[in-house]
C-alpha atoms as a PDB file:
ATOM      1  CA  UNK A   1      94.579  90.205 106.967  1.00  0.00           C
ATOM      2  CA  UNK A   2      97.061  90.411 109.487  1.00  0.00           C
ATOM      3  CA  UNK A   3      96.586  93.375 111.683  1.00  0.00           C
ATOM      4  CA  UNK A   4     100.360  92.816 114.894  1.00  0.00           C
ATOM      5  CA  UNK A   5      98.506  94.298 115.067  1.00  0.00           C
ATOM      6  CA  UNK A   6      97.753  90.670 111.564  1.00  0.00           C
ATOM      7  CA  UNK A   7      98.767  89.317 113.905  1.00  0.00           C
ATOM      8  CA  UNK A   8     101.327  88.228 116.213  1.00  0.00           C
ATOM      9  CA  UNK A   9     100.235  86.727 119.478  1.00  0.00           C
ATOM     10  CA  UNK A  10     100.047  90.185 120.955  1.00  0.00           C
ATOM     11  CA  UNK A  11      98.983  92.902 118.652  1.00  0.00           C
ATOM     12  CA  UNK A  12      98.915  95.954 120.838  1.00  0.00           C
ATOM     13  CA  UNK A  13     102.456  97.006 121.686  1.00  0.00           C
ATOM     14  CA  UNK A  14     101.926 100.638 120.800  1.00  0.00           C
ATOM     15  CA  UNK A  15     101.950 104.002 122.552  1.00  0.00           C
ATOM     16  CA  UNK A  16      98.892 106.286 122.467  1.00  0.00           C
ATOM     17  CA  UNK A  17      97.996 109.886 123.029  1.00  0.00           C
ATOM     18  CA  UNK A  18      94.534 111.267 123.715  1.00  0.00           C
ATOM     19  CA  UNK A  19      92.391 110.996 120.603  1.00  0.00           C
ATOM     20  CA  UNK A  20      89.176 112.874 119.929  1.00  0.00           C
ATOM     21  CA  UNK A  21      86.024 110.795 119.663  1.00  0.00           C
ATOM     22  CA  UNK A  22      85.353 112.293 116.266  1.00  0.00           C
ATOM     23  CA  UNK A  23      88.392 110.473 114.926  1.00  0.00           C
ATOM     24  CA  UNK A  24      86.920 107.164 115.910  1.00  0.00           C
ATOM     25  CA  UNK A  25      83.659 108.008 114.293  1.00  0.00           C
ATOM     26  CA  UNK A  26      85.570 108.606 111.083  1.00  0.00           C
ATOM     27  CA  UNK A  27      87.556 105.426 111.522  1.00  0.00           C
ATOM     28  CA  UNK A  28      84.473 103.300 112.015  1.00  0.00           C
ATOM     29  CA  UNK A  29      84.014 102.979 108.284  1.00  0.00           C
ATOM     30  CA  UNK A  30      87.299 101.085 108.060  1.00  0.00           C
ATOM     31  CA  UNK A  31      85.883  98.128 109.893  1.00  0.00           C
ATOM     32  CA  UNK A  32      83.390  95.563 108.737  1.00  0.00           C
ATOM     33  CA  UNK A  33      81.767  92.757 110.615  1.00  0.00           C
ATOM     34  CA  UNK A  34      82.275  89.302 109.237  1.00  0.00           C
ATOM     35  CA  UNK A  35      79.118  87.243 108.850  1.00  0.00           C
ATOM     36  CA  UNK A  36      79.303  85.142 111.990  1.00  0.00           C
ATOM     37  CA  UNK A  37      78.102  81.691 112.830  1.00  0.00           C
ATOM     38  CA  UNK A  38      77.603  81.416 116.548  1.00  0.00           C
ATOM     39  CA  UNK A  39      77.839  83.903 119.411  1.00  0.00           C
ATOM     40  CA  UNK A  40      79.494  87.298 119.179  1.00  0.00           C
ATOM     41  CA  UNK A  41      82.947  86.679 120.629  1.00  0.00           C
ATOM     42  CA  UNK A  42      83.324  90.346 121.468  1.00  0.00           C
ATOM     43  CA  UNK A  43      80.571  90.081 124.077  1.00  0.00           C
ATOM     44  CA  UNK A  44      83.278  88.964 126.504  1.00  0.00           C
ATOM     45  CA  UNK A  45      84.274  92.627 126.797  1.00  0.00           C
ATOM     46  CA  UNK A  46      80.781  93.670 127.887  1.00  0.00           C
ATOM     47  CA  UNK A  47      80.718  90.806 130.380  1.00  0.00           C
ATOM     48  CA  UNK A  48      84.076  91.906 131.776  1.00  0.00           C
ATOM     49  CA  UNK A  49      82.876  95.444 132.465  1.00  0.00           C
ATOM     50  CA  UNK A  50      79.634  94.123 133.931  1.00  0.00           C
ATOM     51  CA  UNK A  51      81.594  91.952 136.379  1.00  0.00           C
ATOM     52  CA  UNK A  52      83.790  94.922 137.253  1.00  0.00           C
ATOM     53  CA  UNK A  53      80.760  97.135 137.887  1.00  0.00           C
ATOM     54  CA  UNK A  54      79.244  94.472 140.128  1.00  0.00           C
ATOM     55  CA  UNK A  55      82.292  94.630 142.356  1.00  0.00           C
ATOM     56  CA  UNK A  56      83.873  91.323 141.334  1.00  0.00           C
ATOM     57  CA  UNK A  57      87.546  91.188 142.333  1.00  0.00           C
ATOM     58  CA  UNK A  58      89.692  90.644 139.243  1.00  0.00           C
ATOM     59  CA  UNK A  59      93.096  92.220 139.664  1.00  0.00           C
ATOM     60  CA  UNK A  60      95.660  92.584 142.456  1.00  0.00           C
ATOM     61  CA  UNK A  61      94.091  89.798 144.509  1.00  0.00           C
ATOM     62  CA  UNK A  62      95.032  86.206 145.266  1.00  0.00           C
ATOM     63  CA  UNK A  63      91.800  84.796 146.684  1.00  0.00           C
ATOM     64  CA  UNK A  64      90.272  83.475 143.472  1.00  0.00           C
ATOM     65  CA  UNK A  65      91.490  83.418 139.870  1.00  0.00           C
ATOM     66  CA  UNK A  66      88.339  81.947 138.333  1.00  0.00           C
ATOM     67  CA  UNK A  67      87.277  85.248 136.801  1.00  0.00           C
ATOM     68  CA  UNK A  68      90.744  85.795 135.338  1.00  0.00           C
ATOM     69  CA  UNK A  69      90.517  82.422 133.636  1.00  0.00           C
ATOM     70  CA  UNK A  70      87.009  83.213 132.432  1.00  0.00           C
ATOM     71  CA  UNK A  71      87.906  86.482 130.716  1.00  0.00           C
ATOM     72  CA  UNK A  72      91.573  86.204 129.741  1.00  0.00           C
ATOM     73  CA  UNK A  73      93.730  83.800 127.774  1.00  0.00           C
ATOM     74  CA  UNK A  74      95.786  81.396 129.846  1.00  0.00           C
ATOM     75  CA  UNK A  75      98.961  83.340 129.144  1.00  0.00           C
ATOM     76  CA  UNK A  76      97.506  86.623 130.389  1.00  0.00           C
ATOM     77  CA  UNK A  77      95.638  85.063 133.316  1.00  0.00           C
ATOM     78  CA  UNK A  78      98.860  83.366 134.443  1.00  0.00           C
ATOM     79  CA  UNK A  79     100.764  86.661 134.313  1.00  0.00           C
ATOM     80  CA  UNK A  80      98.047  88.558 136.173  1.00  0.00           C
ATOM     81  CA  UNK A  81      97.918  85.924 138.888  1.00  0.00           C
ATOM     82  CA  UNK A  82     101.715  85.724 139.156  1.00  0.00           C
ATOM     83  CA  UNK A  83     101.952  89.502 139.505  1.00  0.00           C
ATOM     84  CA  UNK A  84      99.328  89.554 142.257  1.00  0.00           C
ATOM     85  CA  UNK A  85     101.073  86.753 144.165  1.00  0.00           C
ATOM     86  CA  UNK A  86     104.455  88.471 143.868  1.00  0.00           C
ATOM     87  CA  UNK A  87     103.001  91.775 145.080  1.00  0.00           C
ATOM     88  CA  UNK A  88     101.809  90.053 148.276  1.00  0.00           C
ATOM     89  CA  UNK A  89      99.089  92.570 149.036  1.00  0.00           C
ATOM     90  CA  UNK A  90     101.042  95.558 147.760  1.00  0.00           C
ATOM     91  CA  UNK A  91     100.723  97.343 144.413  1.00  0.00           C
ATOM     92  CA  UNK A  92     102.242  95.243 141.670  1.00  0.00           C
ATOM     93  CA  UNK A  93     102.778  95.979 137.991  1.00  0.00           C
ATOM     94  CA  UNK A  94      99.203  97.238 137.680  1.00  0.00           C
ATOM     95  CA  UNK A  95      99.202 100.590 139.446  1.00  0.00           C
ATOM     96  CA  UNK A  96      96.173 101.681 137.427  1.00  0.00           C
ATOM     97  CA  UNK A  97      92.707 100.401 136.556  1.00  0.00           C
ATOM     98  CA  UNK A  98      93.412  97.833 133.802  1.00  0.00           C
ATOM     99  CA  UNK A  99      89.972  98.316 132.251  1.00  0.00           C
ATOM    100  CA  UNK A 100      90.465 102.028 131.621  1.00  0.00           C
ATOM    101  CA  UNK A 101      94.211 102.599 131.646  1.00  0.00           C
ATOM    102  CA  UNK A 102      93.841 105.197 134.380  1.00  0.00           C
ATOM    103  CA  UNK A 103      94.599 105.441 138.087  1.00  0.00           C
ATOM    104  CA  UNK A 104      91.435 107.254 139.067  1.00  0.00           C
ATOM    105  CA  UNK A 105      88.996 107.307 136.164  1.00  0.00           C
ATOM    106  CA  UNK A 106      85.961 109.553 136.317  1.00  0.00           C
ATOM    107  CA  UNK A 107      84.133 107.803 133.521  1.00  0.00           C
ATOM    108  CA  UNK A 108      81.249 109.168 131.441  1.00  0.00           C
ATOM    109  CA  UNK A 109      79.901 108.498 127.950  1.00  0.00           C
ATOM    110  CA  UNK A 110      81.001 104.875 128.208  1.00  0.00           C
ATOM    111  CA  UNK A 111      80.378 102.673 125.164  1.00  0.00           C
ATOM    112  CA  UNK A 112      81.514  99.225 124.059  1.00  0.00           C
ATOM    113  CA  UNK A 113      81.805  99.117 120.282  1.00  0.00           C
ATOM    114  CA  UNK A 114      80.877  96.334 117.915  1.00  0.00           C
ATOM    115  CA  UNK A 115      83.164  93.379 117.360  1.00  0.00           C
ATOM    116  CA  UNK A 116      85.370  93.822 114.308  1.00  0.00           C
ATOM    117  CA  UNK A 117      86.537  90.599 112.703  1.00  0.00           C
ATOM    118  CA  UNK A 118      88.256  92.235 109.763  1.00  0.00           C
ATOM    119  CA  UNK A 119      88.058  95.059 107.274  1.00  0.00           C
ATOM    120  CA  UNK A 120      87.147  95.698 103.677  1.00  0.00           C
ATOM    121  CA  UNK A 121      90.259  96.025 101.569  1.00  0.00           C
ATOM    122  CA  UNK A 122      90.333  98.752  98.955  1.00  0.00           C
ATOM    123  CA  UNK A 123      89.959  95.965  96.359  1.00  0.00           C
ATOM    124  CA  UNK A 124      86.523  95.276  97.828  1.00  0.00           C
ATOM    125  CA  UNK A 125      87.571  91.973  99.381  1.00  0.00           C
ATOM    126  CA  UNK A 126      86.861  91.320 103.043  1.00  0.00           C
ATOM    127  CA  UNK A 127      90.073  90.609 104.932  1.00  0.00           C
ATOM    128  CA  UNK A 128      89.575  88.674 108.150  1.00  0.00           C
ATOM    129  CA  UNK A 129      91.960  89.259 111.020  1.00  0.00           C
ATOM    130  CA  UNK A 130      93.974  86.115 111.571  1.00  0.00           C
ATOM    131  CA  UNK A 131      93.119  84.570 114.905  1.00  0.00           C
ATOM    132  CA  UNK A 132      91.591  87.533 116.676  1.00  0.00           C
ATOM    133  CA  UNK A 133      88.927  90.231 116.666  1.00  0.00           C
ATOM    134  CA  UNK A 134      89.039  93.809 117.943  1.00  0.00           C
ATOM    135  CA  UNK A 135      86.608  95.604 120.251  1.00  0.00           C
ATOM    136  CA  UNK A 136      86.999  99.338 120.900  1.00  0.00           C
ATOM    137  CA  UNK A 137      85.700 100.857 124.117  1.00  0.00           C
ATOM    138  CA  UNK A 138      85.267 104.645 124.136  1.00  0.00           C
ATOM    139  CA  UNK A 139      84.606 106.906 127.099  1.00  0.00           C
ATOM    140  CA  UNK A 140      85.388 110.290 128.605  1.00  0.00           C
ATOM    141  CA  UNK A 141      87.721 110.528 131.600  1.00  0.00           C
ATOM    142  CA  UNK A 142      88.285 113.864 133.293  1.00  0.00           C
ATOM    143  CA  UNK A 143      86.617 115.581 130.353  1.00  0.00           C
ATOM    144  CA  UNK A 144      89.023 113.982 127.875  1.00  0.00           C
ATOM    145  CA  UNK A 145      87.791 111.615 125.111  1.00  0.00           C
ATOM    146  CA  UNK A 146      89.633 108.320 125.486  1.00  0.00           C
ATOM    147  CA  UNK A 147      89.437 104.700 124.471  1.00  0.00           C
ATOM    148  CA  UNK A 148      90.924 101.272 125.010  1.00  0.00           C
ATOM    149  CA  UNK A 149      91.160  98.487 122.468  1.00  0.00           C
ATOM    150  CA  UNK A 150      90.590  94.825 123.269  1.00  0.00           C
ATOM    151  CA  UNK A 151      92.019  91.918 121.330  1.00  0.00           C
ATOM    152  CA  UNK A 152      89.830  88.814 121.554  1.00  0.00           C
ATOM    153  CA  UNK A 153      91.028  85.457 120.277  1.00  0.00           C
ATOM    154  CA  UNK A 154      88.892  83.771 117.631  1.00  0.00           C
ATOM    155  CA  UNK A 155      90.773  80.489 117.380  1.00  0.00           C
ATOM    156  CA  UNK A 156      92.323  77.789 119.530  1.00  0.00           C
ATOM    157  CA  UNK A 157      91.877  76.833 123.153  1.00  0.00           C
ATOM    158  CA  UNK A 158      91.543  80.489 124.188  1.00  0.00           C
ATOM    159  CA  UNK A 159      88.827  81.302 121.663  1.00  0.00           C
ATOM    160  CA  UNK A 160      86.548  84.024 122.977  1.00  0.00           C
ATOM    161  CA  UNK A 161      89.040  85.262 125.583  1.00  0.00           C
ATOM    162  CA  UNK A 162      90.954  88.532 125.844  1.00  0.00           C
ATOM    163  CA  UNK A 163      94.630  88.390 124.898  1.00  0.00           C
ATOM    164  CA  UNK A 164      95.509  92.068 125.386  1.00  0.00           C
ATOM    165  CA  UNK A 165      94.200  95.548 126.149  1.00  0.00           C
ATOM    166  CA  UNK A 166      95.792  98.615 124.568  1.00  0.00           C
ATOM    167  CA  UNK A 167      95.272 101.923 126.323  1.00  0.00           C
ATOM    168  CA  UNK A 168      94.749 105.509 125.234  1.00  0.00           C
ATOM    169  CA  UNK A 169      98.235 106.551 126.396  1.00  0.00           C
ATOM    170  CA  UNK A 170      99.956 103.903 124.291  1.00  0.00           C
ATOM    171  CA  UNK A 171     100.747 101.338 126.938  1.00  0.00           C
ATOM    172  CA  UNK A 172      99.085  97.950 127.037  1.00  0.00           C
ATOM    173  CA  UNK A 173      98.268  95.277 129.579  1.00  0.00           C
ATOM    174  CA  UNK A 174     100.938  93.042 128.084  1.00  0.00           C
ATOM    175  CA  UNK A 175     103.495  95.849 128.297  1.00  0.00           C
ATOM    176  CA  UNK A 176     102.672  96.416 131.962  1.00  0.00           C
ATOM    177  CA  UNK A 177     103.074  92.725 132.747  1.00  0.00           C
ATOM    178  CA  UNK A 178     106.320  92.437 130.771  1.00  0.00           C
ATOM    179  CA  UNK A 179     108.170  95.712 131.445  1.00  0.00           C
ATOM    180  CA  UNK A 180     111.599  94.168 130.887  1.00  0.00           C
ATOM    181  CA  UNK A 181     110.793  93.287 127.272  1.00  0.00           C
ATOM    182  CA  UNK A 182     109.424  96.648 126.200  1.00  0.00           C
ATOM    183  CA  UNK A 183     112.246  99.085 126.861  1.00  0.00           C
ATOM    184  CA  UNK A 184     112.808 101.646 124.144  1.00  0.00           C
ATOM    185  CA  UNK A 185     115.374 100.663 121.543  1.00  0.00           C
ATOM    186  CA  UNK A 186     118.242 102.978 120.583  1.00  0.00           C
ATOM    187  CA  UNK A 187     117.434 105.770 118.183  1.00  0.00           C
ATOM    188  CA  UNK A 188     117.876 104.557 114.581  1.00  0.00           C
ATOM    189  CA  UNK A 189     120.962 105.964 112.879  1.00  0.00           C
ATOM    190  CA  UNK A 190     120.279 108.025 109.810  1.00  0.00           C
ATOM    191  CA  UNK A 191     122.500 107.865 106.741  1.00  0.00           C
ATOM    192  CA  UNK A 192     122.505 109.205 103.222  1.00  0.00           C
ATOM    193  CA  UNK A 193     120.694 106.051 102.135  1.00  0.00           C
ATOM    194  CA  UNK A 194     117.872 106.626 104.595  1.00  0.00           C
ATOM    195  CA  UNK A 195     115.529 109.347 103.343  1.00  0.00           C
ATOM    196  CA  UNK A 196     113.611 111.005 106.147  1.00  0.00           C
ATOM    197  CA  UNK A 197     110.107 112.255 105.516  1.00  0.00           C
ATOM    198  CA  UNK A 198     109.420 115.748 106.771  1.00  0.00           C
ATOM    199  CA  UNK A 199     106.080 114.864 108.351  1.00  0.00           C
ATOM    200  CA  UNK A 200     107.551 113.303 111.480  1.00  0.00           C
ATOM    201  CA  UNK A 201     106.066 114.874 114.583  1.00  0.00           C
ATOM    202  CA  UNK A 202     109.018 113.936 116.779  1.00  0.00           C
ATOM    203  CA  UNK A 203     112.159 116.029 116.694  1.00  0.00           C
ATOM    204  CA  UNK A 204     114.323 113.247 118.130  1.00  0.00           C
ATOM    205  CA  UNK A 205     112.159 110.138 118.068  1.00  0.00           C
ATOM    206  CA  UNK A 206     113.158 106.833 119.530  1.00  0.00           C
ATOM    207  CA  UNK A 207     111.756 103.487 118.541  1.00  0.00           C
ATOM    208  CA  UNK A 208     109.308 102.637 121.280  1.00  0.00           C
ATOM    209  CA  UNK A 209     107.981  99.216 120.300  1.00  0.00           C
ATOM    210  CA  UNK A 210     108.612  95.979 118.538  1.00  0.00           C
ATOM    211  CA  UNK A 211     107.794  95.449 114.885  1.00  0.00           C
ATOM    212  CA  UNK A 212     104.037  95.699 114.317  1.00  0.00           C
ATOM    213  CA  UNK A 213     104.271  93.463 111.262  1.00  0.00           C
ATOM    214  CA  UNK A 214     104.119  89.697 111.317  1.00  0.00           C
ATOM    215  CA  UNK A 215     107.006  87.920 109.607  1.00  0.00           C
ATOM    216  CA  UNK A 216     108.522  91.219 108.521  1.00  0.00           C
ATOM    217  CA  UNK A 217     111.851  89.540 107.752  1.00  0.00           C
ATOM    218  CA  UNK A 218     110.218  86.589 105.941  1.00  0.00           C
ATOM    219  CA  UNK A 219     111.999  84.251 108.363  1.00  0.00           C
ATOM    220  CA  UNK A 220     109.285  81.614 107.851  1.00  0.00           C
ATOM    221  CA  UNK A 221     110.529  81.176 104.300  1.00  0.00           C
ATOM    222  CA  UNK A 222     107.137  82.140 102.916  1.00  0.00           C
ATOM    223  CA  UNK A 223     104.579  84.949 103.053  1.00  0.00           C
ATOM    224  CA  UNK A 224     102.934  84.048 106.347  1.00  0.00           C
ATOM    225  CA  UNK A 225     101.198  87.167 107.618  1.00  0.00           C
ATOM    226  CA  UNK A 226     101.228  88.880 104.227  1.00  0.00           C
ATOM    227  CA  UNK A 227      98.547  89.266 101.567  1.00  0.00           C
ATOM    228  CA  UNK A 228     100.012  88.520  98.137  1.00  0.00           C
ATOM    229  CA  UNK A 229      98.758  89.518  94.715  1.00  0.00           C
ATOM    230  CA  UNK A 230     100.238  88.016  91.575  1.00  0.00           C
ATOM    231  CA  UNK A 231     100.200  89.382  88.054  1.00  0.00           C
ATOM    232  CA  UNK A 232      98.784  87.131  85.317  1.00  0.00           C
ATOM    233  CA  UNK A 233     101.198  85.529  82.880  1.00  0.00           C
ATOM    234  CA  UNK A 234     102.057  87.833  80.004  1.00  0.00           C
ATOM    235  CA  UNK A 235     103.935  87.421  76.708  1.00  0.00           C
ATOM    236  CA  UNK A 236     107.079  85.253  76.787  1.00  0.00           C
ATOM    237  CA  UNK A 237     107.478  85.422  80.540  1.00  0.00           C
ATOM    238  CA  UNK A 238     106.926  82.420  82.742  1.00  0.00           C
ATOM    239  CA  UNK A 239     105.209  84.327  85.559  1.00  0.00           C
ATOM    240  CA  UNK A 240     103.452  84.939  87.754  1.00  0.00           C
ATOM    241  CA  UNK A 241     106.318  84.829  90.211  1.00  0.00           C
ATOM    242  CA  UNK A 242     106.570  86.095  93.733  1.00  0.00           C
ATOM    243  CA  UNK A 243     108.674  84.187  96.188  1.00  0.00           C
ATOM    244  CA  UNK A 244     111.081  84.317  99.081  1.00  0.00           C
ATOM    245  CA  UNK A 245     114.753  84.473  98.204  1.00  0.00           C
ATOM    246  CA  UNK A 246     116.388  81.803 100.385  1.00  0.00           C
ATOM    247  CA  UNK A 247     119.696  83.617 100.827  1.00  0.00           C
ATOM    248  CA  UNK A 248     119.981  84.505 104.500  1.00  0.00           C
ATOM    249  CA  UNK A 249     119.805  88.221 105.259  1.00  0.00           C
ATOM    250  CA  UNK A 250     119.646  89.961 108.634  1.00  0.00           C
ATOM    251  CA  UNK A 251     118.280  86.936 110.443  1.00  0.00           C
ATOM    252  CA  UNK A 252     115.671  86.114 107.820  1.00  0.00           C
ATOM    253  CA  UNK A 253     115.173  86.210 104.070  1.00  0.00           C
ATOM    254  CA  UNK A 254     113.952  88.654 101.409  1.00  0.00           C
ATOM    255  CA  UNK A 255     110.827  88.811  99.308  1.00  0.00           C
ATOM    256  CA  UNK A 256     111.755  88.344  95.645  1.00  0.00           C
ATOM    257  CA  UNK A 257     109.773  90.022  92.875  1.00  0.00           C
ATOM    258  CA  UNK A 258     109.699  88.848  89.220  1.00  0.00           C
ATOM    259  CA  UNK A 259     112.343  86.199  89.740  1.00  0.00           C
ATOM    260  CA  UNK A 260     113.108  83.677  87.011  1.00  0.00           C
ATOM    261  CA  UNK A 261     112.377  86.099  84.140  1.00  0.00           C
ATOM    262  CA  UNK A 262     108.752  86.262  85.145  1.00  0.00           C
ATOM    263  CA  UNK A 263     106.109  88.893  84.667  1.00  0.00           C
ATOM    264  CA  UNK A 264     106.383  92.043  86.798  1.00  0.00           C
ATOM    265  CA  UNK A 265     103.769  93.824  88.893  1.00  0.00           C
ATOM    266  CA  UNK A 266     103.201  91.512  91.878  1.00  0.00           C
ATOM    267  CA  UNK A 267     102.573  92.998  95.320  1.00  0.00           C
ATOM    268  CA  UNK A 268     102.542  92.102  98.985  1.00  0.00           C
ATOM    269  CA  UNK A 269     100.597  93.872 101.731  1.00  0.00           C
ATOM    270  CA  UNK A 270      99.928  93.589 105.423  1.00  0.00           C
ATOM    271  CA  UNK A 271      97.347  95.232 107.647  1.00  0.00           C
ATOM    272  CA  UNK A 272      98.086  96.203 111.239  1.00  0.00           C
ATOM    273  CA  UNK A 273      96.491  98.131 114.084  1.00  0.00           C
ATOM    274  CA  UNK A 274      97.354 101.801 114.552  1.00  0.00           C
ATOM    275  CA  UNK A 275      96.442 104.749 116.715  1.00  0.00           C
ATOM    276  CA  UNK A 276      95.049 107.818 114.936  1.00  0.00           C
ATOM    277  CA  UNK A 277      97.282 110.864 115.263  1.00  0.00           C
ATOM    278  CA  UNK A 278     100.356 108.959 116.455  1.00  0.00           C
ATOM    279  CA  UNK A 279     103.609 108.839 114.487  1.00  0.00           C
ATOM    280  CA  UNK A 280     104.921 105.572 113.063  1.00  0.00           C
ATOM    281  CA  UNK A 281     108.136 104.677 111.308  1.00  0.00           C
ATOM    282  CA  UNK A 282     108.428 102.403 108.274  1.00  0.00           C
ATOM    283  CA  UNK A 283     111.867 100.961 107.545  1.00  0.00           C
ATOM    284  CA  UNK A 284     112.776  98.491 104.824  1.00  0.00           C
ATOM    285  CA  UNK A 285     115.706  97.331 102.709  1.00  0.00           C
ATOM    286  CA  UNK A 286     115.401  97.114  98.944  1.00  0.00           C
ATOM    287  CA  UNK A 287     117.951  95.848  96.422  1.00  0.00           C
ATOM    288  CA  UNK A 288     118.226  95.308  92.701  1.00  0.00           C
ATOM    289  CA  UNK A 289     119.645  91.812  92.491  1.00  0.00           C
ATOM    290  CA  UNK A 290     120.180  88.974  90.073  1.00  0.00           C
ATOM    291  CA  UNK A 291     122.493  90.555  87.537  1.00  0.00           C
ATOM    292  CA  UNK A 292     123.175  93.671  85.460  1.00  0.00           C
ATOM    293  CA  UNK A 293     120.284  95.697  84.187  1.00  0.00           C
ATOM    294  CA  UNK A 294     118.124  98.672  84.962  1.00  0.00           C
ATOM    295  CA  UNK A 295     117.528  99.325  88.664  1.00  0.00           C
ATOM    296  CA  UNK A 296     114.307  97.829  89.942  1.00  0.00           C
ATOM    297  CA  UNK A 297     111.579 100.127  91.220  1.00  0.00           C
ATOM    298  CA  UNK A 298     109.064  99.562  93.987  1.00  0.00           C
ATOM    299  CA  UNK A 299     105.994 101.597  94.879  1.00  0.00           C
ATOM    300  CA  UNK A 300     105.249 101.902  98.581  1.00  0.00           C
ATOM    301  CA  UNK A 301     101.746 102.756  99.824  1.00  0.00           C
ATOM    302  CA  UNK A 302     100.508 103.254 103.387  1.00  0.00           C
ATOM    303  CA  UNK A 303      96.714 103.408 103.387  1.00  0.00           C
ATOM    304  CA  UNK A 304      94.526 105.803 105.350  1.00  0.00           C
ATOM    305  CA  UNK A 305      97.411 107.995 106.521  1.00  0.00           C
ATOM    306  CA  UNK A 306      99.277 111.148 105.575  1.00  0.00           C
ATOM    307  CA  UNK A 307     101.885 109.035 103.795  1.00  0.00           C
ATOM    308  CA  UNK A 308     102.184 109.987 100.136  1.00  0.00           C
ATOM    309  CA  UNK A 309     102.943 106.952  97.939  1.00  0.00           C
ATOM    310  CA  UNK A 310     106.590 106.830  96.924  1.00  0.00           C
ATOM    311  CA  UNK A 311     108.528 104.928  94.303  1.00  0.00           C
ATOM    312  CA  UNK A 312     111.988 103.769  95.370  1.00  0.00           C
ATOM    313  CA  UNK A 313     114.777 102.751  92.988  1.00  0.00           C
ATOM    314  CA  UNK A 314     118.092 101.727  94.586  1.00  0.00           C
ATOM    315  CA  UNK A 315     121.106 102.464  92.350  1.00  0.00           C
ATOM    316  CA  UNK A 316     122.876  99.548  90.673  1.00  0.00           C
ATOM    317  CA  UNK A 317     123.199  96.497  92.884  1.00  0.00           C
ATOM    318  CA  UNK A 318     123.456  98.521  96.092  1.00  0.00           C
ATOM    319  CA  UNK A 319     121.181  97.767  98.992  1.00  0.00           C
ATOM    320  CA  UNK A 320     119.379 100.812 100.361  1.00  0.00           C
ATOM    321  CA  UNK A 321     117.638 101.116 103.715  1.00  0.00           C
ATOM    322  CA  UNK A 322     114.626 103.413 103.411  1.00  0.00           C
ATOM    323  CA  UNK A 323     113.042 105.065 106.441  1.00  0.00           C
ATOM    324  CA  UNK A 324     109.810 107.064 106.409  1.00  0.00           C
ATOM    325  CA  UNK A 325     107.394 108.294 109.032  1.00  0.00           C
ATOM    326  CA  UNK A 326     103.622 108.537 108.752  1.00  0.00           C
ATOM    327  CA  UNK A 327     100.584 109.424 110.829  1.00  0.00           C
ATOM    328  CA  UNK A 328      97.526 107.153 110.428  1.00  0.00           C
ATOM    329  CA  UNK A 329      93.998 108.527 110.318  1.00  0.00           C
ATOM    330  CA  UNK A 330      92.279 105.393 111.570  1.00  0.00           C
ATOM    331  CA  UNK A 331      92.815 102.363 113.752  1.00  0.00           C
ATOM    332  CA  UNK A 332      93.635  99.993 110.904  1.00  0.00           C
ATOM    333  CA  UNK A 333      96.363 100.657 108.326  1.00  0.00           C
ATOM    334  CA  UNK A 334      97.754  98.662 105.395  1.00  0.00           C
ATOM    335  CA  UNK A 335     101.260  98.866 103.957  1.00  0.00           C
ATOM    336  CA  UNK A 336     101.673  97.690 100.358  1.00  0.00           C
ATOM    337  CA  UNK A 337     104.810  97.034  98.305  1.00  0.00           C
ATOM    338  CA  UNK A 338     104.052  97.010  94.567  1.00  0.00           C
ATOM    339  CA  UNK A 339     106.555  95.835  91.977  1.00  0.00           C
ATOM    340  CA  UNK A 340     106.696  98.530  89.282  1.00  0.00           C
ATOM    341  CA  UNK A 341     105.053  97.522  86.011  1.00  0.00           C
ATOM    342  CA  UNK A 342     107.900  99.114  84.041  1.00  0.00           C
ATOM    343  CA  UNK A 343     110.625  97.010  85.673  1.00  0.00           C
ATOM    344  CA  UNK A 344     112.976  94.911  83.572  1.00  0.00           C
ATOM    345  CA  UNK A 345     112.583  91.243  84.384  1.00  0.00           C
ATOM    346  CA  UNK A 346     115.250  89.349  82.450  1.00  0.00           C
ATOM    347  CA  UNK A 347     117.965  88.145  84.840  1.00  0.00           C
ATOM    348  CA  UNK A 348     117.185  90.845  87.360  1.00  0.00           C
ATOM    349  CA  UNK A 349     114.975  90.830  90.434  1.00  0.00           C
ATOM    350  CA  UNK A 350     113.770  93.187  93.134  1.00  0.00           C
ATOM    351  CA  UNK A 351     114.586  92.013  96.670  1.00  0.00           C
ATOM    352  CA  UNK A 352     112.685  93.429  99.641  1.00  0.00           C
ATOM    353  CA  UNK A 353     113.246  92.963 103.337  1.00  0.00           C
ATOM    354  CA  UNK A 354     113.341  93.081 106.227  1.00  0.00           C
ATOM    355  CA  UNK A 355     110.329  95.363 106.686  1.00  0.00           C
ATOM    356  CA  UNK A 356     109.621  96.994 110.024  1.00  0.00           C
ATOM    357  CA  UNK A 357     106.905  99.309 111.321  1.00  0.00           C
ATOM    358  CA  UNK A 358     107.221 100.740 114.797  1.00  0.00           C
ATOM    359  CA  UNK A 359     105.530 103.511 116.686  1.00  0.00           C
ATOM    360  CA  UNK A 360     107.638 106.517 117.633  1.00  0.00           C
ATOM    361  CA  UNK A 361     107.606 108.725 120.664  1.00  0.00           C
ATOM    362  CA  UNK A 362     109.690 111.782 121.618  1.00  0.00           C
END
């Protein structure tokens, strides 16, 4: 799988609100530990807190960066060190305790969770996060249940090191170190072709973060970051067929379903990290292309959330931009686009993309 949060280099560009511990207990069943060969990579988080408790200087200091290099990826360690040097003894970008996301934490009920290398898909298959693992840390601060989420790299030169920390209030370590790249985008413009779901918790939401999906516009020319499922060949059709339409569109391409008079019913899905109780926005374009015929239909599913599966059917050959909001129940969510089994396939295709999921805030 690909939680951003699979997974772009930084998976945690999301905004959080306080979440009750009971929600995390319920979400725990979403995760599953991969059978590991070698040490538990998530133990780096426990070591980090142990060093912090022992009084080791990590942040906002320029005497020694060895501990930064021990615990964090080179990219993050470089940014932390650069920020401390620029601050020159003053408060830099980190005006809070980076391990708790708070300025003055009164911490109780502290617990480092198990390392999660992936999740069990509803099909029963185990989906491994691509290139990283997740470790949740829960605690109570000022009587309020809170948590932070660590992303630990599982591949490459930075294997076993922390690449980001996402906090209970929605900010992240990466956001704090890169404030110029995380300004809120303009509010999306609604139109008659953009149905709005009534379950949005924000009266006038603005898009607060970058796309949580990897390769949401299929710019790689393939399905990197996506889980694909093909339908077996059936009758006279040449399928299975699921590909990327190579006509440029909005800076990328589109996913093409049942192209070349092939069998219908294929699907693509992607898993990403979410914050229980927060509001997210799903936006995607969908078009019936390839020639005259019945409009193509697509079922859209967002797992473990209040999102009710919908079936979209753009009229004629008109592109439609669909926008929905949803509230996840757990920390891992999967969005699935399923080609409708009743679609016509002869000389007509369904074209999807770009797909974007962002977190909203008032």
